[in-house]
Every structure is written in structure tokens, then in C-alpha cells.
N, C-alpha and C. Protein backbone atom coordinates (compact mmCIF):
# COMPACT_ATOMS: atom_id res chain seq x y z
N UNK A 1 0.86 -1.19 -0.01
CA UNK A 1 0.00 0.00 0.01
C UNK A 1 0.89 1.24 0.00
N UNK A 2 0.80 2.01 -1.05
CA UNK A 2 1.68 3.17 -1.20
C UNK A 2 1.40 4.25 -0.17
N UNK A 3 0.22 4.21 0.45
CA UNK A 3 -0.16 5.23 1.42
C UNK A 3 0.41 4.95 2.80
N UNK A 4 1.26 3.90 2.90
CA UNK A 4 1.75 3.50 4.21
C UNK A 4 2.46 4.59 4.96
N UNK A 5 3.10 5.50 4.21
CA UNK A 5 3.82 6.58 4.88
C UNK A 5 2.91 7.73 5.30
N UNK A 6 1.63 7.68 4.92
CA UNK A 6 0.75 8.81 5.14
C UNK A 6 -0.44 8.52 6.03
N UNK A 7 -0.85 7.30 6.14
CA UNK A 7 -1.95 6.95 7.04
C UNK A 7 -1.49 5.86 8.00
N UNK A 8 -2.08 5.79 9.19
CA UNK A 8 -1.69 4.78 10.16
C UNK A 8 -1.96 3.39 9.62
N UNK A 9 -0.94 2.56 9.57
CA UNK A 9 -1.07 1.23 8.97
C UNK A 9 -0.48 0.16 9.88
N UNK A 10 -0.89 -1.09 9.62
CA UNK A 10 -0.42 -2.24 10.35
C UNK A 10 0.10 -3.26 9.34
N UNK A 11 1.14 -3.99 9.74
CA UNK A 11 1.70 -5.01 8.86
C UNK A 11 0.75 -6.20 8.71
N UNK A 12 0.75 -6.76 7.53
CA UNK A 12 -0.12 -7.88 7.23
C UNK A 12 0.11 -9.09 8.12
N UNK A 13 1.34 -9.32 8.55
CA UNK A 13 1.61 -10.46 9.41
C UNK A 13 0.93 -10.34 10.76
N UNK A 14 0.74 -9.10 11.23
CA UNK A 14 0.04 -8.88 12.50
C UNK A 14 -1.46 -9.02 12.32
N UNK A 15 -1.96 -8.51 11.22
CA UNK A 15 -3.39 -8.63 10.91
C UNK A 15 -3.78 -10.08 10.65
N UNK A 16 -2.81 -10.89 10.23
CA UNK A 16 -3.08 -12.29 9.86
C UNK A 16 -3.68 -13.08 11.00
N UNK A 17 -3.26 -12.80 12.22
CA UNK A 17 -3.80 -13.54 13.38
C UNK A 17 -5.33 -13.38 13.46
N UNK A 18 -5.81 -12.13 13.33
CA UNK A 18 -7.24 -11.90 13.41
C UNK A 18 -7.98 -12.50 12.21
N UNK A 19 -7.35 -12.46 11.05
CA UNK A 19 -7.98 -13.05 9.87
C UNK A 19 -8.12 -14.56 10.05
N UNK A 20 -7.09 -15.19 10.55
CA UNK A 20 -7.14 -16.63 10.80
C UNK A 20 -8.22 -16.97 11.83
N UNK A 21 -8.30 -16.13 12.86
CA UNK A 21 -9.32 -16.35 13.90
C UNK A 21 -10.72 -16.19 13.31
N UNK A 22 -10.91 -15.20 12.45
CA UNK A 22 -12.22 -14.99 11.82
C UNK A 22 -12.58 -16.16 10.91
N UNK A 23 -11.62 -16.63 10.12
CA UNK A 23 -11.87 -17.75 9.23
C UNK A 23 -12.22 -19.02 10.02
N UNK A 24 -11.53 -19.23 11.13
CA UNK A 24 -11.83 -20.40 11.96
C UNK A 24 -13.22 -20.30 12.58
N UNK A 25 -13.58 -19.07 13.02
CA UNK A 25 -14.90 -18.86 13.63
C UNK A 25 -16.01 -19.02 12.61
N UNK A 26 -15.76 -18.60 11.37
CA UNK A 26 -16.75 -18.79 10.31
C UNK A 26 -16.93 -20.28 10.02
N UNK A 27 -15.84 -20.99 9.95
CA UNK A 27 -15.90 -22.42 9.66
C UNK A 27 -16.61 -23.20 10.77
N UNK A 28 -16.40 -22.76 12.01
CA UNK A 28 -17.01 -23.45 13.15
C UNK A 28 -18.43 -22.99 13.41
N UNK A 29 -18.90 -22.00 12.68
CA UNK A 29 -20.25 -21.49 12.86
C UNK A 29 -20.41 -20.52 14.02
N UNK A 30 -19.30 -20.13 14.64
CA UNK A 30 -19.37 -19.18 15.74
C UNK A 30 -19.63 -17.77 15.23
N UNK A 31 -19.18 -17.50 14.04
CA UNK A 31 -19.34 -16.19 13.42
C UNK A 31 -20.20 -16.35 12.16
N UNK A 32 -21.40 -15.76 12.16
CA UNK A 32 -22.26 -15.90 10.98
C UNK A 32 -21.69 -15.12 9.79
N UNK A 33 -21.87 -15.65 8.60
CA UNK A 33 -21.32 -15.03 7.40
C UNK A 33 -21.82 -13.60 7.23
N UNK A 34 -23.07 -13.37 7.57
CA UNK A 34 -23.65 -12.02 7.37
C UNK A 34 -22.99 -10.98 8.26
N UNK A 35 -22.33 -11.41 9.34
CA UNK A 35 -21.68 -10.46 10.24
C UNK A 35 -20.54 -9.72 9.55
N UNK A 36 -19.99 -10.31 8.48
CA UNK A 36 -18.91 -9.66 7.76
C UNK A 36 -19.39 -8.45 6.98
N UNK A 37 -20.69 -8.35 6.78
CA UNK A 37 -21.25 -7.25 6.01
C UNK A 37 -21.00 -5.89 6.60
N UNK A 38 -20.75 -5.82 7.91
CA UNK A 38 -20.50 -4.55 8.56
C UNK A 38 -19.04 -4.09 8.45
N UNK A 39 -18.20 -4.93 7.86
CA UNK A 39 -16.78 -4.59 7.74
C UNK A 39 -16.51 -3.78 6.48
N UNK A 40 -15.42 -3.07 6.47
CA UNK A 40 -15.00 -2.36 5.27
C UNK A 40 -14.83 -3.36 4.13
N UNK A 41 -15.13 -2.93 2.90
CA UNK A 41 -15.09 -3.85 1.75
C UNK A 41 -13.71 -4.47 1.58
N UNK A 42 -12.65 -3.66 1.77
CA UNK A 42 -11.30 -4.18 1.65
C UNK A 42 -11.00 -5.24 2.69
N UNK A 43 -11.51 -5.04 3.89
CA UNK A 43 -11.29 -6.02 4.97
C UNK A 43 -12.08 -7.29 4.71
N UNK A 44 -13.28 -7.17 4.14
CA UNK A 44 -14.06 -8.34 3.79
C UNK A 44 -13.27 -9.24 2.83
N UNK A 45 -12.61 -8.61 1.87
CA UNK A 45 -11.82 -9.38 0.90
C UNK A 45 -10.66 -10.10 1.59
N UNK A 46 -10.04 -9.43 2.56
CA UNK A 46 -8.92 -10.05 3.28
C UNK A 46 -9.39 -11.26 4.09
N UNK A 47 -10.57 -11.15 4.70
CA UNK A 47 -11.10 -12.28 5.47
C UNK A 47 -11.40 -13.45 4.55
N UNK A 48 -11.88 -13.17 3.33
CA UNK A 48 -12.15 -14.23 2.37
C UNK A 48 -10.88 -14.91 1.92
N UNK A 49 -9.83 -14.14 1.81
CA UNK A 49 -8.57 -14.67 1.28
C UNK A 49 -7.52 -14.62 2.41
N UNK A 50 -6.62 -13.67 2.38
CA UNK A 50 -5.64 -13.52 3.47
C UNK A 50 -4.87 -12.22 3.24
N UNK A 51 -4.13 -11.81 4.26
CA UNK A 51 -3.28 -10.64 4.13
C UNK A 51 -1.89 -11.08 3.70
N UNK A 52 -1.14 -10.18 3.08
CA UNK A 52 0.24 -10.45 2.70
C UNK A 52 1.13 -10.00 3.85
N UNK A 53 2.01 -10.87 4.29
CA UNK A 53 2.78 -10.65 5.51
C UNK A 53 3.49 -9.31 5.56
N UNK A 54 4.10 -8.88 4.48
CA UNK A 54 4.91 -7.66 4.49
C UNK A 54 4.20 -6.46 3.87
N UNK A 55 2.91 -6.58 3.61
CA UNK A 55 2.14 -5.47 3.06
C UNK A 55 1.59 -4.63 4.21
N UNK A 56 1.32 -3.37 3.92
CA UNK A 56 0.71 -2.47 4.90
C UNK A 56 -0.80 -2.37 4.65
N UNK A 57 -1.58 -2.35 5.75
CA UNK A 57 -3.03 -2.21 5.67
C UNK A 57 -3.49 -1.15 6.67
N UNK A 58 -4.62 -0.48 6.39
CA UNK A 58 -5.11 0.53 7.33
C UNK A 58 -5.28 -0.06 8.74
N UNK A 59 -4.78 0.65 9.74
CA UNK A 59 -4.87 0.13 11.10
C UNK A 59 -6.32 0.01 11.55
N UNK A 60 -7.22 0.75 10.91
CA UNK A 60 -8.64 0.64 11.21
C UNK A 60 -9.15 -0.76 10.95
N UNK A 61 -8.55 -1.48 10.01
CA UNK A 61 -8.95 -2.86 9.75
C UNK A 61 -8.75 -3.72 11.01
N UNK A 62 -7.66 -3.47 11.71
CA UNK A 62 -7.36 -4.25 12.91
C UNK A 62 -8.45 -4.04 13.95
N UNK A 63 -8.80 -2.79 14.18
CA UNK A 63 -9.84 -2.47 15.18
C UNK A 63 -11.18 -3.09 14.79
N UNK A 64 -11.56 -2.93 13.51
CA UNK A 64 -12.84 -3.45 13.02
C UNK A 64 -12.94 -4.96 13.29
N UNK A 65 -11.94 -5.68 12.85
CA UNK A 65 -12.01 -7.14 12.94
C UNK A 65 -11.90 -7.61 14.39
N UNK A 66 -11.06 -6.95 15.17
CA UNK A 66 -10.92 -7.34 16.57
C UNK A 66 -12.25 -7.16 17.32
N UNK A 67 -12.93 -6.05 17.07
CA UNK A 67 -14.20 -5.81 17.77
C UNK A 67 -15.28 -6.79 17.33
N UNK A 68 -15.26 -7.17 16.06
CA UNK A 68 -16.22 -8.18 15.57
C UNK A 68 -15.96 -9.51 16.27
N UNK A 69 -14.70 -9.89 16.40
CA UNK A 69 -14.36 -11.16 17.04
C UNK A 69 -14.72 -11.13 18.53
N UNK A 70 -14.48 -9.99 19.17
CA UNK A 70 -14.84 -9.87 20.59
C UNK A 70 -16.34 -10.03 20.80
N UNK A 71 -17.12 -9.50 19.87
CA UNK A 71 -18.58 -9.55 19.99
C UNK A 71 -19.10 -10.98 19.93
N UNK A 72 -18.39 -11.87 19.22
CA UNK A 72 -18.86 -13.27 19.11
C UNK A 72 -18.23 -14.18 20.16
N UNK A 73 -17.31 -13.65 20.97
CA UNK A 73 -16.64 -14.46 21.96
C UNK A 73 -17.57 -14.80 23.12
N UNK A 74 -17.38 -15.98 23.68
CA UNK A 74 -18.21 -16.41 24.83
C UNK A 74 -17.53 -16.04 26.15
N UNK A 75 -16.34 -15.51 26.10
CA UNK A 75 -15.68 -15.06 27.32
C UNK A 75 -15.58 -13.54 27.28
N UNK A 76 -15.15 -12.94 28.36
CA UNK A 76 -15.04 -11.48 28.40
C UNK A 76 -14.06 -10.95 27.37
N UNK A 77 -14.25 -9.70 26.99
CA UNK A 77 -13.43 -9.07 25.96
C UNK A 77 -11.94 -9.10 26.31
N UNK A 78 -11.60 -8.72 27.55
CA UNK A 78 -10.19 -8.65 27.94
C UNK A 78 -9.57 -10.05 27.93
N UNK A 79 -10.28 -11.03 28.51
CA UNK A 79 -9.75 -12.40 28.55
C UNK A 79 -9.57 -12.95 27.15
N UNK A 80 -10.50 -12.67 26.27
CA UNK A 80 -10.42 -13.16 24.90
C UNK A 80 -9.20 -12.58 24.18
N UNK A 81 -9.00 -11.27 24.28
CA UNK A 81 -7.88 -10.64 23.59
C UNK A 81 -6.54 -11.06 24.18
N UNK A 82 -6.47 -11.20 25.50
CA UNK A 82 -5.22 -11.68 26.11
C UNK A 82 -4.89 -13.09 25.65
N UNK A 83 -5.92 -13.93 25.52
CA UNK A 83 -5.70 -15.28 25.04
C UNK A 83 -5.21 -15.28 23.60
N UNK A 84 -5.74 -14.35 22.78
CA UNK A 84 -5.26 -14.21 21.40
C UNK A 84 -3.78 -13.82 21.39
N UNK A 85 -3.38 -12.95 22.32
CA UNK A 85 -2.00 -12.55 22.41
C UNK A 85 -1.09 -13.74 22.72
N UNK A 86 -1.58 -14.60 23.60
CA UNK A 86 -0.85 -15.83 23.93
C UNK A 86 -0.70 -16.70 22.67
N UNK A 87 -1.78 -16.81 21.90
CA UNK A 87 -1.76 -17.60 20.67
C UNK A 87 -0.79 -16.99 19.65
N UNK A 88 -0.77 -15.66 19.60
CA UNK A 88 0.10 -14.99 18.64
C UNK A 88 1.57 -15.23 18.95
N UNK A 89 1.91 -15.22 20.24
CA UNK A 89 3.30 -15.48 20.63
C UNK A 89 3.70 -16.89 20.17
N UNK A 90 2.83 -17.87 20.42
CA UNK A 90 3.11 -19.24 20.02
C UNK A 90 3.22 -19.33 18.50
N UNK A 91 2.34 -18.63 17.79
CA UNK A 91 2.35 -18.65 16.33
C UNK A 91 3.67 -18.13 15.77
N UNK A 92 4.12 -16.99 16.30
CA UNK A 92 5.34 -16.38 15.79
C UNK A 92 6.58 -17.17 16.18
N UNK A 93 6.56 -17.79 17.36
CA UNK A 93 7.69 -18.63 17.74
C UNK A 93 7.79 -19.85 16.82
N UNK A 94 6.66 -20.46 16.51
CA UNK A 94 6.68 -21.63 15.62
C UNK A 94 7.20 -21.26 14.24
N UNK A 95 6.78 -20.07 13.78
CA UNK A 95 7.16 -19.65 12.43
C UNK A 95 8.58 -19.11 12.35
N UNK A 96 9.21 -18.86 13.52
CA UNK A 96 10.55 -18.27 13.55
C UNK A 96 10.58 -16.98 12.72
N UNK A 97 9.50 -16.20 12.83
CA UNK A 97 9.39 -14.97 12.04
C UNK A 97 10.37 -13.90 12.51
N UNK A 98 10.53 -13.80 13.84
CA UNK A 98 11.39 -12.76 14.40
C UNK A 98 12.51 -13.41 15.19
N UNK A 99 13.75 -13.13 14.82
CA UNK A 99 14.89 -13.70 15.52
C UNK A 99 14.91 -13.27 16.98
N UNK A 100 14.29 -12.11 17.29
CA UNK A 100 14.28 -11.63 18.67
C UNK A 100 13.58 -12.62 19.60
N UNK A 101 12.55 -13.31 19.09
CA UNK A 101 11.83 -14.27 19.91
C UNK A 101 12.66 -15.54 20.14
N UNK A 102 13.51 -15.87 19.18
CA UNK A 102 14.43 -16.99 19.37
C UNK A 102 15.41 -16.70 20.50
N UNK A 103 15.74 -15.43 20.64
CA UNK A 103 16.70 -14.99 21.66
C UNK A 103 16.22 -15.32 23.08
N UNK A 104 14.91 -15.44 23.25
CA UNK A 104 14.34 -15.69 24.57
C UNK A 104 14.87 -16.98 25.18
N UNK A 105 15.14 -17.97 24.34
CA UNK A 105 15.55 -19.27 24.85
C UNK A 105 16.93 -19.23 25.49
N UNK A 106 17.65 -18.14 25.32
CA UNK A 106 19.02 -18.05 25.84
C UNK A 106 19.09 -17.15 27.09
N UNK A 107 17.96 -16.66 27.57
CA UNK A 107 17.97 -15.74 28.69
C UNK A 107 17.81 -16.46 30.03
N UNK A 108 18.44 -15.91 31.04
CA UNK A 108 18.27 -16.42 32.40
C UNK A 108 17.22 -15.59 33.12
N UNK A 109 16.45 -16.21 33.99
CA UNK A 109 15.38 -15.51 34.71
C UNK A 109 15.95 -14.41 35.63
N UNK A 110 17.05 -14.72 36.31
CA UNK A 110 17.63 -13.76 37.25
C UNK A 110 18.71 -12.94 36.55
N UNK A 111 18.38 -11.67 36.26
CA UNK A 111 19.32 -10.79 35.57
C UNK A 111 19.22 -9.40 36.20
N UNK A 112 20.27 -8.62 36.07
CA UNK A 112 20.24 -7.26 36.60
C UNK A 112 19.28 -6.41 35.79
N UNK A 113 18.86 -5.26 36.37
CA UNK A 113 17.96 -4.36 35.65
C UNK A 113 18.60 -3.88 34.35
N UNK A 114 19.89 -3.57 34.39
CA UNK A 114 20.57 -3.08 33.18
C UNK A 114 20.58 -4.16 32.10
N UNK A 115 20.81 -5.40 32.52
CA UNK A 115 20.81 -6.50 31.56
C UNK A 115 19.40 -6.69 30.98
N UNK A 116 18.40 -6.59 31.85
CA UNK A 116 17.02 -6.72 31.38
C UNK A 116 16.66 -5.62 30.39
N UNK A 117 17.14 -4.41 30.65
CA UNK A 117 16.89 -3.29 29.73
C UNK A 117 17.51 -3.57 28.38
N UNK A 118 18.74 -4.07 28.38
CA UNK A 118 19.43 -4.39 27.13
C UNK A 118 18.69 -5.47 26.36
N UNK A 119 18.32 -6.54 27.08
CA UNK A 119 17.60 -7.65 26.44
C UNK A 119 16.27 -7.18 25.88
N UNK A 120 15.57 -6.38 26.66
CA UNK A 120 14.23 -5.93 26.24
C UNK A 120 14.29 -5.00 25.03
N UNK A 121 15.35 -4.23 24.92
CA UNK A 121 15.50 -3.37 23.74
C UNK A 121 15.57 -4.20 22.47
N UNK A 122 16.30 -5.32 22.56
CA UNK A 122 16.40 -6.21 21.41
C UNK A 122 15.07 -6.90 21.14
N UNK A 123 14.47 -7.46 22.21
CA UNK A 123 13.25 -8.23 22.04
C UNK A 123 12.08 -7.37 21.54
N UNK A 124 11.97 -6.14 22.06
CA UNK A 124 10.82 -5.30 21.66
C UNK A 124 11.07 -4.52 20.39
N UNK A 125 12.28 -4.62 19.83
CA UNK A 125 12.54 -3.85 18.61
C UNK A 125 11.62 -4.25 17.47
N UNK A 126 11.19 -5.53 17.47
CA UNK A 126 10.31 -5.94 16.38
C UNK A 126 8.92 -5.31 16.49
N UNK A 127 8.54 -4.88 17.71
CA UNK A 127 7.22 -4.26 17.87
C UNK A 127 7.11 -2.98 17.05
N UNK A 128 8.23 -2.27 16.89
CA UNK A 128 8.20 -1.02 16.14
C UNK A 128 8.00 -1.25 14.66
N UNK A 129 8.16 -2.51 14.21
CA UNK A 129 7.96 -2.80 12.78
C UNK A 129 6.52 -3.20 12.48
N UNK A 130 5.71 -3.35 13.53
CA UNK A 130 4.33 -3.78 13.33
C UNK A 130 3.46 -2.67 12.74
N UNK A 131 3.69 -1.43 13.20
CA UNK A 131 2.96 -0.27 12.69
C UNK A 131 3.93 0.67 11.98
N UNK A 132 3.39 1.57 11.17
CA UNK A 132 4.24 2.60 10.57
C UNK A 132 4.23 3.86 11.42
N UNK A 133 3.95 3.67 12.70
CA UNK A 133 3.95 4.73 13.69
C UNK A 133 4.24 4.07 15.03
N UNK A 134 4.42 4.83 16.07
CA UNK A 134 4.66 4.38 17.45
C UNK A 134 6.10 3.92 17.68
N UNK A 135 6.57 4.15 18.89
CA UNK A 135 7.91 3.73 19.31
C UNK A 135 7.77 2.91 20.59
N UNK A 136 8.41 1.75 20.61
CA UNK A 136 8.34 0.82 21.73
C UNK A 136 9.73 0.70 22.35
N UNK A 137 9.82 0.88 23.64
CA UNK A 137 11.13 0.78 24.29
C UNK A 137 10.96 0.48 25.77
N UNK A 138 11.90 -0.29 26.35
CA UNK A 138 11.88 -0.51 27.80
C UNK A 138 12.40 0.71 28.53
N UNK A 139 11.97 0.86 29.77
CA UNK A 139 12.43 1.99 30.57
C UNK A 139 12.20 1.65 32.04
N UNK A 140 12.97 2.27 32.97
CA UNK A 140 12.67 2.11 34.39
C UNK A 140 11.26 2.60 34.67
N UNK A 141 10.56 1.89 35.52
CA UNK A 141 9.18 2.26 35.87
C UNK A 141 9.18 3.61 36.62
N UNK A 142 8.47 4.61 36.13
CA UNK A 142 8.44 5.90 36.82
C UNK A 142 7.84 5.80 38.22
N UNK A 143 7.03 4.75 38.45
CA UNK A 143 6.43 4.57 39.77
C UNK A 143 7.29 3.72 40.69
N UNK A 144 8.23 2.96 40.08
CA UNK A 144 9.10 2.06 40.87
C UNK A 144 10.36 1.83 40.07
N UNK A 145 11.35 2.73 40.19
CA UNK A 145 12.54 2.70 39.32
C UNK A 145 13.36 1.42 39.36
N UNK A 146 13.17 0.57 40.37
CA UNK A 146 13.89 -0.69 40.43
C UNK A 146 13.30 -1.72 39.47
N UNK A 147 12.13 -1.40 38.93
CA UNK A 147 11.46 -2.31 38.02
C UNK A 147 11.40 -1.69 36.63
N UNK A 148 11.06 -2.54 35.66
CA UNK A 148 11.07 -2.10 34.27
C UNK A 148 9.69 -2.14 33.66
N UNK A 149 9.42 -1.22 32.75
CA UNK A 149 8.17 -1.21 32.00
C UNK A 149 8.50 -1.14 30.51
N UNK A 150 7.52 -1.40 29.69
CA UNK A 150 7.63 -1.14 28.26
C UNK A 150 6.75 0.08 27.98
N UNK A 151 7.34 1.10 27.42
CA UNK A 151 6.62 2.32 27.10
C UNK A 151 6.41 2.40 25.58
N UNK A 152 5.20 2.80 25.21
CA UNK A 152 4.88 3.01 23.81
C UNK A 152 4.52 4.48 23.64
N UNK A 153 5.29 5.19 22.87
CA UNK A 153 5.00 6.60 22.59
C UNK A 153 4.53 6.75 21.15
N UNK A 154 3.99 7.90 20.83
CA UNK A 154 3.36 8.12 19.52
C UNK A 154 2.32 7.01 19.29
N UNK A 155 1.55 6.75 20.34
CA UNK A 155 0.67 5.57 20.39
C UNK A 155 -0.79 5.90 20.08
N UNK A 156 -1.07 7.11 19.65
CA UNK A 156 -2.45 7.55 19.47
C UNK A 156 -3.27 6.59 18.62
N UNK A 157 -2.67 6.03 17.58
CA UNK A 157 -3.43 5.17 16.66
C UNK A 157 -3.32 3.68 16.97
N UNK A 158 -2.62 3.32 18.06
CA UNK A 158 -2.57 1.90 18.46
C UNK A 158 -3.95 1.48 18.95
N UNK A 159 -4.59 0.50 18.32
CA UNK A 159 -5.94 0.11 18.74
C UNK A 159 -5.98 -0.39 20.18
N UNK A 160 -7.06 -0.10 20.86
CA UNK A 160 -7.23 -0.60 22.22
C UNK A 160 -7.21 -2.13 22.25
N UNK A 161 -7.77 -2.75 21.22
CA UNK A 161 -7.76 -4.20 21.17
C UNK A 161 -6.33 -4.73 21.10
N UNK A 162 -5.47 -4.02 20.39
CA UNK A 162 -4.07 -4.45 20.29
C UNK A 162 -3.37 -4.28 21.64
N UNK A 163 -3.71 -3.22 22.36
CA UNK A 163 -3.11 -3.02 23.68
C UNK A 163 -3.41 -4.22 24.58
N UNK A 164 -4.66 -4.65 24.61
CA UNK A 164 -5.04 -5.78 25.46
C UNK A 164 -4.45 -7.09 24.97
N UNK A 165 -4.45 -7.28 23.65
CA UNK A 165 -3.85 -8.49 23.08
C UNK A 165 -2.37 -8.56 23.43
N UNK A 166 -1.70 -7.40 23.42
CA UNK A 166 -0.27 -7.35 23.71
C UNK A 166 0.01 -7.70 25.18
N UNK A 167 -0.94 -7.45 26.07
CA UNK A 167 -0.77 -7.91 27.46
C UNK A 167 -0.57 -9.42 27.48
N UNK A 168 -1.39 -10.12 26.70
CA UNK A 168 -1.26 -11.58 26.63
C UNK A 168 0.02 -12.01 25.96
N UNK A 169 0.40 -11.29 24.91
CA UNK A 169 1.63 -11.59 24.18
C UNK A 169 2.86 -11.43 25.08
N UNK A 170 2.91 -10.28 25.78
CA UNK A 170 4.07 -10.02 26.64
C UNK A 170 4.09 -10.97 27.85
N UNK A 171 2.92 -11.35 28.34
CA UNK A 171 2.87 -12.32 29.44
C UNK A 171 3.48 -13.66 28.99
N UNK A 172 3.08 -14.11 27.79
CA UNK A 172 3.61 -15.36 27.26
C UNK A 172 5.11 -15.25 27.04
N UNK A 173 5.55 -14.10 26.55
CA UNK A 173 6.97 -13.87 26.30
C UNK A 173 7.76 -13.93 27.61
N UNK A 174 7.26 -13.27 28.65
CA UNK A 174 7.95 -13.28 29.94
C UNK A 174 7.98 -14.67 30.56
N UNK A 175 6.89 -15.42 30.38
CA UNK A 175 6.83 -16.75 30.98
C UNK A 175 7.66 -17.77 30.22
N UNK A 176 8.05 -17.41 28.99
CA UNK A 176 9.01 -18.27 28.27
C UNK A 176 10.37 -18.17 28.92
N UNK A 177 10.63 -17.06 29.61
CA UNK A 177 11.89 -16.87 30.33
C UNK A 177 11.76 -17.34 31.76
N UNK A 178 10.66 -16.96 32.39
CA UNK A 178 10.41 -17.30 33.80
C UNK A 178 8.97 -17.78 33.96
N UNK A 179 8.76 -19.08 34.06
CA UNK A 179 7.40 -19.65 34.03
C UNK A 179 6.43 -19.07 35.06
N UNK A 180 6.94 -18.61 36.20
CA UNK A 180 6.04 -18.09 37.22
C UNK A 180 5.96 -16.56 37.19
N UNK A 181 6.33 -15.97 36.09
CA UNK A 181 6.29 -14.50 35.98
C UNK A 181 4.85 -13.99 36.10
N UNK A 182 4.73 -12.80 36.64
CA UNK A 182 3.41 -12.17 36.75
C UNK A 182 2.90 -11.81 35.36
N UNK A 183 1.57 -11.76 35.25
CA UNK A 183 0.95 -11.36 33.99
C UNK A 183 1.23 -9.88 33.74
N UNK A 184 1.28 -9.52 32.48
CA UNK A 184 1.47 -8.11 32.10
C UNK A 184 0.13 -7.42 32.01
N UNK A 185 0.06 -6.23 32.56
CA UNK A 185 -1.11 -5.37 32.44
C UNK A 185 -0.65 -3.99 31.97
N UNK A 186 -1.58 -3.21 31.43
CA UNK A 186 -1.17 -1.94 30.83
C UNK A 186 -2.11 -0.81 31.21
N UNK A 187 -1.66 0.38 31.00
CA UNK A 187 -2.49 1.57 31.19
C UNK A 187 -2.19 2.53 30.06
N UNK A 188 -3.17 3.41 29.82
CA UNK A 188 -3.01 4.43 28.79
C UNK A 188 -3.27 5.78 29.45
N UNK A 189 -2.23 6.36 30.09
CA UNK A 189 -2.45 7.61 30.81
C UNK A 189 -2.77 8.80 29.91
N UNK A 190 -2.43 8.67 28.63
CA UNK A 190 -2.79 9.70 27.64
C UNK A 190 -2.93 8.98 26.31
N UNK A 191 -3.63 9.58 25.35
CA UNK A 191 -3.83 8.90 24.06
C UNK A 191 -2.54 8.48 23.38
N UNK A 192 -1.47 9.23 23.59
CA UNK A 192 -0.21 8.97 22.90
C UNK A 192 0.77 8.11 23.68
N UNK A 193 0.38 7.62 24.88
CA UNK A 193 1.30 6.86 25.72
C UNK A 193 0.62 5.62 26.28
N UNK A 194 1.30 4.48 26.14
CA UNK A 194 0.87 3.21 26.75
C UNK A 194 2.03 2.68 27.57
N UNK A 195 1.73 2.17 28.76
CA UNK A 195 2.75 1.60 29.64
C UNK A 195 2.34 0.19 30.01
N UNK A 196 3.25 -0.76 29.76
CA UNK A 196 3.03 -2.17 30.10
C UNK A 196 3.86 -2.51 31.32
N UNK A 197 3.22 -3.11 32.32
CA UNK A 197 3.89 -3.51 33.56
C UNK A 197 3.62 -4.99 33.86
N UNK A 198 4.62 -5.67 34.39
CA UNK A 198 4.44 -7.07 34.80
C UNK A 198 3.98 -7.09 36.26
N UNK A 199 2.78 -6.61 36.50
CA UNK A 199 2.26 -6.51 37.86
C UNK A 199 0.92 -7.22 38.02
N UNK A 200 0.59 -8.09 37.07
CA UNK A 200 -0.68 -8.82 37.15
C UNK A 200 -0.51 -10.09 37.98
N UNK A 201 -1.51 -10.95 37.96
CA UNK A 201 -1.45 -12.18 38.77
C UNK A 201 -0.41 -13.16 38.24
N UNK A 202 0.10 -13.99 39.16
CA UNK A 202 0.98 -15.08 38.77
C UNK A 202 0.13 -16.22 38.20
N UNK A 203 0.75 -17.11 37.43
CA UNK A 203 -0.02 -18.23 36.88
C UNK A 203 -0.58 -19.12 37.98
N UNK A 204 -1.73 -19.69 37.73
CA UNK A 204 -2.34 -20.58 38.71
C UNK A 204 -1.53 -21.85 38.77
N UNK A 205 -1.10 -22.24 39.97
CA UNK A 205 -0.28 -23.45 40.10
C UNK A 205 -1.18 -24.66 39.95
N UNK A 206 -0.66 -25.65 39.23
CA UNK A 206 -1.43 -26.88 39.01
C UNK A 206 -0.78 -28.00 39.84
N UNK A 207 -1.48 -28.39 40.89
CA UNK A 207 -0.93 -29.44 41.78
C UNK A 207 -1.79 -30.68 41.75
């Protein structure tokens, strides 16, 4: 899409998760075919076929499709999107799409804050390639400098659905390093800023 430099866009590989979920829901009868009629015509075509991994698409497509999927979910919106984030992490690890995710297997759970900052800069660098806007970077937590957060600036056009889905993605990513890591939760103190913190619940122990 030649307009990628001028309108907020998302990479096709990121949109692909939602398209696959929609296609599966259609096949399973969870999503009625007529429900697609409310989507943009271009997005309807993508759901029928697929997105191209390295192509740019309007970020509005992401919001439209995510909200449609949330509406047909039998669980709460937040839980559904976080679970999708978990699925996306597994999908990208299987595909070896981003070398940064392969790097996770070499990390130790107990590391200094400076080492964690360095590692996180590498790991989150791929997030900046998802949109043609926004900057993602680790930083000391302004509320607790001994801990680290992921800050997203220039985030005005990042969909709310993506913010919640990313909580699940980052939780899965952290637990690949440390299985008992706390879940990631986020806040949006202003339209242009998102902060992700690992301050959610720990995984339920299975005994």
C-alpha cells in the first residue's frame, strides 16, 4: 500500500492472526457469514482470502475485525484478547518470524535491571515494525525505578484491542523466560502513551 507513509497502517503479518481467527470462527459457525457485511469492503476481501505478511493495511482494519471477534466471543473481551496474544506469541515462535523471539531461549530468569533493559530493547525492537507509527522501548518504571516497563510513545493510533492483546503476548513472552512471571497489564495515561507492567497475577499453580 503506497499510502503506508501517510496513514496509520499495520503489517499484514500482524493482521493475519485476526484473519485466521475470523476464518476459523466462520468455519465453526461461531461467526455468521452475514456479520462480515459490517466490515470495510477491503477487509471483507482479506477475510475471504488472506493478508500479505509484508504489506501495509489501514490500522482501522485491525480495530474493526478485533471488535467483531470480541462480539462473538463467549468469554469477556479482555480475557479473549489476552488469550489471542498468547496464541500470537506461540504462532510467531513456531514460524521463527522474528529472531528476537528466538533470543528468549538463551535468557536467564535472574538478571540485573541493566541487563534486562538491554535484552528488552532487542526483544521489543520488532514491535516497532508492526505499525508505521509508534515507538516501543523498555524503561525504568516511573512509579518504581527498580522495576522495568515497556513504554509506547506516539501511540495515538494503536488500537485498544491491540493493547489488550499485547498484554497476553508479553505475558507469554515473559513466561518463556520465567514460568512463574506475573501477567502483564497496561495503562493508557494519555492517548499517545501506553505503559506495560508485569504486575498482574501469577499463573495458577497446578498441583
